[in-house]
């Protein structure tokens, strides 16, 4: 099994009213995970090690009071 890279990104914007907004994604380039036909996993991908859902995106807000 060869090596592979997964790209994640996160941006945090701090605001003057003591709050912040987080924007980001995981596996943003939709990297295909290593194929492993020896263990009998679904579609040859080990779901205990790798996410099977592909890219995921998130938004978060934090306000300090």
PDB file of N, CA and C in Angstrom:
ATOM      1  N   UNK A   1       0.853  -1.165   0.000  1.00  0.00           N
ATOM      2  CA  UNK A   1       0.000   0.000   0.000  1.00  0.00           C
ATOM      3  C   UNK A   1       0.903   1.233   0.000  1.00  0.00           C
ATOM      4  N   UNK A   2       0.702   2.120  -0.955  1.00  0.00           N
ATOM      5  CA  UNK A   2       1.512   3.320  -1.071  1.00  0.00           C
ATOM      6  C   UNK A   2       1.044   4.430  -0.142  1.00  0.00           C
ATOM      7  N   UNK A   3       1.778   5.514  -0.148  1.00  0.00           N
ATOM      8  CA  UNK A   3       1.407   6.655   0.690  1.00  0.00           C
ATOM      9  C   UNK A   3       0.357   7.516  -0.028  1.00  0.00           C
ATOM     10  N   UNK A   4      -0.330   8.342   0.730  1.00  0.00           N
ATOM     11  CA  UNK A   4      -1.314   9.258   0.177  1.00  0.00           C
ATOM     12  C   UNK A   4      -1.441  10.462   1.099  1.00  0.00           C
ATOM     13  N   UNK A   5      -1.997  11.535   0.601  1.00  0.00           N
ATOM     14  CA  UNK A   5      -2.182  12.760   1.392  1.00  0.00           C
ATOM     15  C   UNK A   5      -3.633  13.193   1.330  1.00  0.00           C
ATOM     16  N   UNK A   6      -4.120  13.714   2.436  1.00  0.00           N
ATOM     17  CA  UNK A   6      -5.464  14.262   2.517  1.00  0.00           C
ATOM     18  C   UNK A   6      -5.325  15.727   2.917  1.00  0.00           C
ATOM     19  N   UNK A   7      -6.001  16.614   2.196  1.00  0.00           N
ATOM     20  CA  UNK A   7      -5.908  18.046   2.472  1.00  0.00           C
ATOM     21  C   UNK A   7      -7.133  18.504   3.251  1.00  0.00           C
ATOM     22  N   UNK A   8      -6.869  19.123   4.408  1.00  0.00           N
ATOM     23  CA  UNK A   8      -7.893  19.737   5.238  1.00  0.00           C
ATOM     24  C   UNK A   8      -7.602  21.228   5.288  1.00  0.00           C
ATOM     25  N   UNK A   9      -8.626  22.041   5.497  1.00  0.00           N
ATOM     26  CA  UNK A   9      -8.443  23.492   5.577  1.00  0.00           C
ATOM     27  C   UNK A   9      -9.353  24.060   6.650  1.00  0.00           C
ATOM     28  N   UNK A  10      -8.871  25.126   7.308  1.00  0.00           N
ATOM     29  CA  UNK A  10      -9.649  25.799   8.339  1.00  0.00           C
ATOM     30  C   UNK A  10      -9.282  27.272   8.335  1.00  0.00           C
ATOM     31  N   UNK A  11     -10.293  28.139   8.393  1.00  0.00           N
ATOM     32  CA  UNK A  11     -10.087  29.580   8.480  1.00  0.00           C
ATOM     33  C   UNK A  11     -10.884  30.079   9.672  1.00  0.00           C
ATOM     34  N   UNK A  12     -10.238  30.864  10.528  1.00  0.00           N
ATOM     35  CA  UNK A  12     -10.907  31.474  11.667  1.00  0.00           C
ATOM     36  C   UNK A  12     -10.847  32.983  11.506  1.00  0.00           C
ATOM     37  N   UNK A  13     -12.002  33.615  11.605  1.00  0.00           N
ATOM     38  CA  UNK A  13     -12.097  35.071  11.497  1.00  0.00           C
ATOM     39  C   UNK A  13     -12.501  35.600  12.861  1.00  0.00           C
ATOM     40  N   UNK A  14     -11.633  36.401  13.487  1.00  0.00           N
ATOM     41  CA  UNK A  14     -11.934  37.002  14.783  1.00  0.00           C
ATOM     42  C   UNK A  14     -12.577  38.366  14.578  1.00  0.00           C
ATOM     43  N   UNK A  15     -13.636  38.619  15.331  1.00  0.00           N
ATOM     44  CA  UNK A  15     -14.360  39.874  15.217  1.00  0.00           C
ATOM     45  C   UNK A  15     -14.128  40.740  16.445  1.00  0.00           C
ATOM     46  N   UNK A  16     -14.247  42.070  16.311  1.00  0.00           N
ATOM     47  CA  UNK A  16     -13.979  42.971  17.431  1.00  0.00           C
ATOM     48  C   UNK A  16     -14.988  42.847  18.577  1.00  0.00           C
ATOM     49  N   UNK A  17     -16.134  42.216  18.374  1.00  0.00           N
ATOM     50  CA  UNK A  17     -17.114  42.072  19.446  1.00  0.00           C
ATOM     51  C   UNK A  17     -16.904  40.777  20.233  1.00  0.00           C
ATOM     52  N   UNK A  18     -15.647  40.290  20.242  1.00  0.00           N
ATOM     53  CA  UNK A  18     -15.253  39.136  21.049  1.00  0.00           C
ATOM     54  C   UNK A  18     -15.845  37.821  20.539  1.00  0.00           C
ATOM     55  N   UNK A  19     -15.990  37.702  19.257  1.00  0.00           N
ATOM     56  CA  UNK A  19     -16.515  36.474  18.664  1.00  0.00           C
ATOM     57  C   UNK A  19     -15.642  36.029  17.510  1.00  0.00           C
ATOM     58  N   UNK A  20     -15.873  34.814  17.031  1.00  0.00           N
ATOM     59  CA  UNK A  20     -15.127  34.297  15.885  1.00  0.00           C
ATOM     60  C   UNK A  20     -16.011  33.356  15.073  1.00  0.00           C
ATOM     61  N   UNK A  21     -15.696  33.255  13.796  1.00  0.00           N
ATOM     62  CA  UNK A  21     -16.375  32.353  12.881  1.00  0.00           C
ATOM     63  C   UNK A  21     -15.324  31.415  12.301  1.00  0.00           C
ATOM     64  N   UNK A  22     -15.623  30.123  12.301  1.00  0.00           N
ATOM     65  CA  UNK A  22     -14.728  29.107  11.746  1.00  0.00           C
ATOM     66  C   UNK A  22     -15.364  28.497  10.500  1.00  0.00           C
ATOM     67  N   UNK A  23     -14.591  28.428   9.437  1.00  0.00           N
ATOM     68  CA  UNK A  23     -15.019  27.789   8.194  1.00  0.00           C
ATOM     69  C   UNK A  23     -13.960  26.768   7.816  1.00  0.00           C
ATOM     70  N   UNK A  24     -14.375  25.605   7.361  1.00  0.00           N
ATOM     71  CA  UNK A  24     -13.364  24.634   6.983  1.00  0.00           C
ATOM     72  C   UNK A  24     -13.931  23.409   6.318  1.00  0.00           C
ATOM     73  N   UNK A  25     -13.011  22.539   5.951  1.00  0.00           N
ATOM     74  CA  UNK A  25     -13.390  21.286   5.327  1.00  0.00           C
ATOM     75  C   UNK A  25     -12.336  20.227   5.550  1.00  0.00           C
ATOM     76  N   UNK A  26     -12.766  18.984   5.486  1.00  0.00           N
ATOM     77  CA  UNK A  26     -11.862  17.849   5.598  1.00  0.00           C
ATOM     78  C   UNK A  26     -11.907  17.071   4.293  1.00  0.00           C
ATOM     79  N   UNK A  27     -10.746  16.645   3.834  1.00  0.00           N
ATOM     80  CA  UNK A  27     -10.591  15.951   2.558  1.00  0.00           C
ATOM     81  C   UNK A  27     -11.170  16.800   1.420  1.00  0.00           C
ATOM     82  N   UNK A  28     -10.740  18.047   1.359  1.00  0.00           N
ATOM     83  CA  UNK A  28     -11.338  19.011   0.422  1.00  0.00           C
ATOM     84  C   UNK A  28     -11.047  18.696  -1.046  1.00  0.00           C
ATOM     85  N   UNK A  29     -10.029  17.886  -1.327  1.00  0.00           N
ATOM     86  CA  UNK A  29      -9.726  17.516  -2.707  1.00  0.00           C
ATOM     87  C   UNK A  29     -10.320  16.160  -3.084  1.00  0.00           C
ATOM     88  N   UNK A  30     -11.141  15.592  -2.185  1.00  0.00           N
ATOM     89  CA  UNK A  30     -11.808  14.314  -2.408  1.00  0.00           C
ATOM     90  C   UNK A  30     -10.812  13.208  -2.766  1.00  0.00           C
ATOM     91  N   UNK A  31      -9.761  13.088  -1.959  1.00  0.00           N
ATOM     92  CA  UNK A  31      -8.734  12.074  -2.154  1.00  0.00           C
ATOM     93  C   UNK A  31      -9.312  10.677  -1.957  1.00  0.00           C
ATOM     94  N   UNK A  32      -8.992   9.782  -2.868  1.00  0.00           N
ATOM     95  CA  UNK A  32      -9.416   8.391  -2.737  1.00  0.00           C
ATOM     96  C   UNK A  32      -8.443   7.674  -1.802  1.00  0.00           C
ATOM     97  N   UNK A  33      -8.976   6.989  -0.821  1.00  0.00           N
ATOM     98  CA  UNK A  33      -8.142   6.311   0.160  1.00  0.00           C
ATOM     99  C   UNK A  33      -7.561   5.023  -0.422  1.00  0.00           C
ATOM    100  N   UNK A  34      -6.497   4.521   0.209  1.00  0.00           N
ATOM    101  CA  UNK A  34      -5.852   3.313  -0.312  1.00  0.00           C
ATOM    102  C   UNK A  34      -6.810   2.123  -0.381  1.00  0.00           C
ATOM    103  N   UNK A  35      -6.728   1.401  -1.448  1.00  0.00           N
ATOM    104  CA  UNK A  35      -7.558   0.220  -1.653  1.00  0.00           C
ATOM    105  C   UNK A  35      -6.883  -0.978  -0.981  1.00  0.00           C
ATOM    106  N   UNK A  36      -7.648  -1.731  -0.197  1.00  0.00           N
ATOM    107  CA  UNK A  36      -7.121  -2.898   0.509  1.00  0.00           C
ATOM    108  C   UNK A  36      -8.070  -4.065   0.290  1.00  0.00           C
ATOM    109  N   UNK A  37      -7.733  -4.939  -0.649  1.00  0.00           N
ATOM    110  CA  UNK A  37      -8.619  -6.064  -0.950  1.00  0.00           C
ATOM    111  C   UNK A  37      -8.337  -7.295  -0.100  1.00  0.00           C
ATOM    112  N   UNK A  38      -7.387  -7.192   0.832  1.00  0.00           N
ATOM    113  CA  UNK A  38      -7.019  -8.353   1.644  1.00  0.00           C
ATOM    114  C   UNK A  38      -7.891  -8.532   2.882  1.00  0.00           C
ATOM    115  N   UNK A  39      -8.533  -7.485   3.360  1.00  0.00           N
ATOM    116  CA  UNK A  39      -9.244  -7.575   4.635  1.00  0.00           C
ATOM    117  C   UNK A  39     -10.749  -7.715   4.496  1.00  0.00           C
ATOM    118  N   UNK A  40     -11.302  -7.606   3.289  1.00  0.00           N
ATOM    119  CA  UNK A  40     -12.736  -7.779   3.090  1.00  0.00           C
ATOM    120  C   UNK A  40     -13.574  -6.601   3.515  1.00  0.00           C
ATOM    121  N   UNK A  41     -13.034  -5.402   3.481  1.00  0.00           N
ATOM    122  CA  UNK A  41     -13.786  -4.205   3.845  1.00  0.00           C
ATOM    123  C   UNK A  41     -14.723  -3.792   2.721  1.00  0.00           C
ATOM    124  N   UNK A  42     -15.712  -2.947   3.045  1.00  0.00           N
ATOM    125  CA  UNK A  42     -16.635  -2.420   2.042  1.00  0.00           C
ATOM    126  C   UNK A  42     -15.870  -1.663   0.972  1.00  0.00           C
ATOM    127  N   UNK A  43     -16.062  -2.025  -0.256  1.00  0.00           N
ATOM    128  CA  UNK A  43     -15.419  -1.375  -1.403  1.00  0.00           C
ATOM    129  C   UNK A  43     -13.900  -1.353  -1.301  1.00  0.00           C
ATOM    130  N   UNK A  44     -13.305  -2.222  -0.478  1.00  0.00           N
ATOM    131  CA  UNK A  44     -11.855  -2.280  -0.351  1.00  0.00           C
ATOM    132  C   UNK A  44     -11.253  -1.165   0.469  1.00  0.00           C
ATOM    133  N   UNK A  45     -12.065  -0.400   1.205  1.00  0.00           N
ATOM    134  CA  UNK A  45     -11.569   0.710   2.026  1.00  0.00           C
ATOM    135  C   UNK A  45     -11.838   0.391   3.485  1.00  0.00           C
ATOM    136  N   UNK A  46     -10.823   0.507   4.312  1.00  0.00           N
ATOM    137  CA  UNK A  46     -10.945   0.242   5.734  1.00  0.00           C
ATOM    138  C   UNK A  46     -11.668   1.407   6.412  1.00  0.00           C
ATOM    139  N   UNK A  47     -12.944   1.238   6.699  1.00  0.00           N
ATOM    140  CA  UNK A  47     -13.750   2.293   7.308  1.00  0.00           C
ATOM    141  C   UNK A  47     -13.389   2.616   8.746  1.00  0.00           C
ATOM    142  N   UNK A  48     -12.621   1.751   9.400  1.00  0.00           N
ATOM    143  CA  UNK A  48     -12.170   2.064  10.758  1.00  0.00           C
ATOM    144  C   UNK A  48     -10.995   3.027  10.755  1.00  0.00           C
ATOM    145  N   UNK A  49     -10.296   3.130   9.637  1.00  0.00           N
ATOM    146  CA  UNK A  49      -9.162   4.057   9.525  1.00  0.00           C
ATOM    147  C   UNK A  49      -9.488   5.307   8.720  1.00  0.00           C
ATOM    148  N   UNK A  50     -10.382   5.182   7.740  1.00  0.00           N
ATOM    149  CA  UNK A  50     -10.652   6.275   6.812  1.00  0.00           C
ATOM    150  C   UNK A  50     -12.143   6.564   6.751  1.00  0.00           C
ATOM    151  N   UNK A  51     -12.485   7.824   6.555  1.00  0.00           N
ATOM    152  CA  UNK A  51     -13.882   8.205   6.400  1.00  0.00           C
ATOM    153  C   UNK A  51     -14.356   7.821   5.002  1.00  0.00           C
ATOM    154  N   UNK A  52     -15.510   7.186   4.922  1.00  0.00           N
ATOM    155  CA  UNK A  52     -16.037   6.748   3.632  1.00  0.00           C
ATOM    156  C   UNK A  52     -16.950   7.791   2.990  1.00  0.00           C
ATOM    157  N   UNK A  53     -17.192   8.905   3.653  1.00  0.00           N
ATOM    158  CA  UNK A  53     -18.157   9.875   3.147  1.00  0.00           C
ATOM    159  C   UNK A  53     -17.574  10.885   2.176  1.00  0.00           C
ATOM    160  N   UNK A  54     -16.290  10.934   1.992  1.00  0.00           N
ATOM    161  CA  UNK A  54     -15.687  11.918   1.090  1.00  0.00           C
ATOM    162  C   UNK A  54     -15.496  13.249   1.787  1.00  0.00           C
ATOM    163  N   UNK A  55     -15.486  14.357   1.038  1.00  0.00           N
ATOM    164  CA  UNK A  55     -15.268  15.665   1.655  1.00  0.00           C
ATOM    165  C   UNK A  55     -16.399  16.031   2.611  1.00  0.00           C
ATOM    166  N   UNK A  56     -16.050  16.742   3.669  1.00  0.00           N
ATOM    167  CA  UNK A  56     -17.065  17.269   4.588  1.00  0.00           C
ATOM    168  C   UNK A  56     -16.698  18.707   4.926  1.00  0.00           C
ATOM    169  N   UNK A  57     -17.705  19.536   5.092  1.00  0.00           N
ATOM    170  CA  UNK A  57     -17.535  20.966   5.318  1.00  0.00           C
ATOM    171  C   UNK A  57     -18.194  21.347   6.629  1.00  0.00           C
ATOM    172  N   UNK A  58     -17.694  22.400   7.262  1.00  0.00           N
ATOM    173  CA  UNK A  58     -18.273  22.838   8.532  1.00  0.00           C
ATOM    174  C   UNK A  58     -18.167  24.347   8.691  1.00  0.00           C
ATOM    175  N   UNK A  59     -19.074  24.874   9.494  1.00  0.00           N
ATOM    176  CA  UNK A  59     -19.095  26.287   9.865  1.00  0.00           C
ATOM    177  C   UNK A  59     -19.328  26.330  11.371  1.00  0.00           C
ATOM    178  N   UNK A  60     -18.602  27.172  12.075  1.00  0.00           N
ATOM    179  CA  UNK A  60     -18.785  27.296  13.511  1.00  0.00           C
ATOM    180  C   UNK A  60     -18.757  28.749  13.940  1.00  0.00           C
ATOM    181  N   UNK A  61     -19.422  29.035  15.034  1.00  0.00           N
ATOM    182  CA  UNK A  61     -19.455  30.384  15.582  1.00  0.00           C
ATOM    183  C   UNK A  61     -19.166  30.293  17.068  1.00  0.00           C
ATOM    184  N   UNK A  62     -18.332  31.207  17.571  1.00  0.00           N
ATOM    185  CA  UNK A  62     -17.980  31.245  18.974  1.00  0.00           C
ATOM    186  C   UNK A  62     -18.147  32.677  19.473  1.00  0.00           C
ATOM    187  N   UNK A  63     -18.852  32.834  20.570  1.00  0.00           N
ATOM    188  CA  UNK A  63     -19.067  34.168  21.159  1.00  0.00           C
ATOM    189  C   UNK A  63     -18.689  34.100  22.631  1.00  0.00           C
ATOM    190  N   UNK A  64     -17.739  34.929  23.035  1.00  0.00           N
ATOM    191  CA  UNK A  64     -17.331  34.992  24.441  1.00  0.00           C
ATOM    192  C   UNK A  64     -18.147  36.064  25.157  1.00  0.00           C
ATOM    193  N   UNK A  65     -18.685  35.674  26.302  1.00  0.00           N
ATOM    194  CA  UNK A  65     -19.489  36.656  27.052  1.00  0.00           C
ATOM    195  C   UNK A  65     -18.840  36.975  28.377  1.00  0.00           C
TER     196      UNK A  65
END
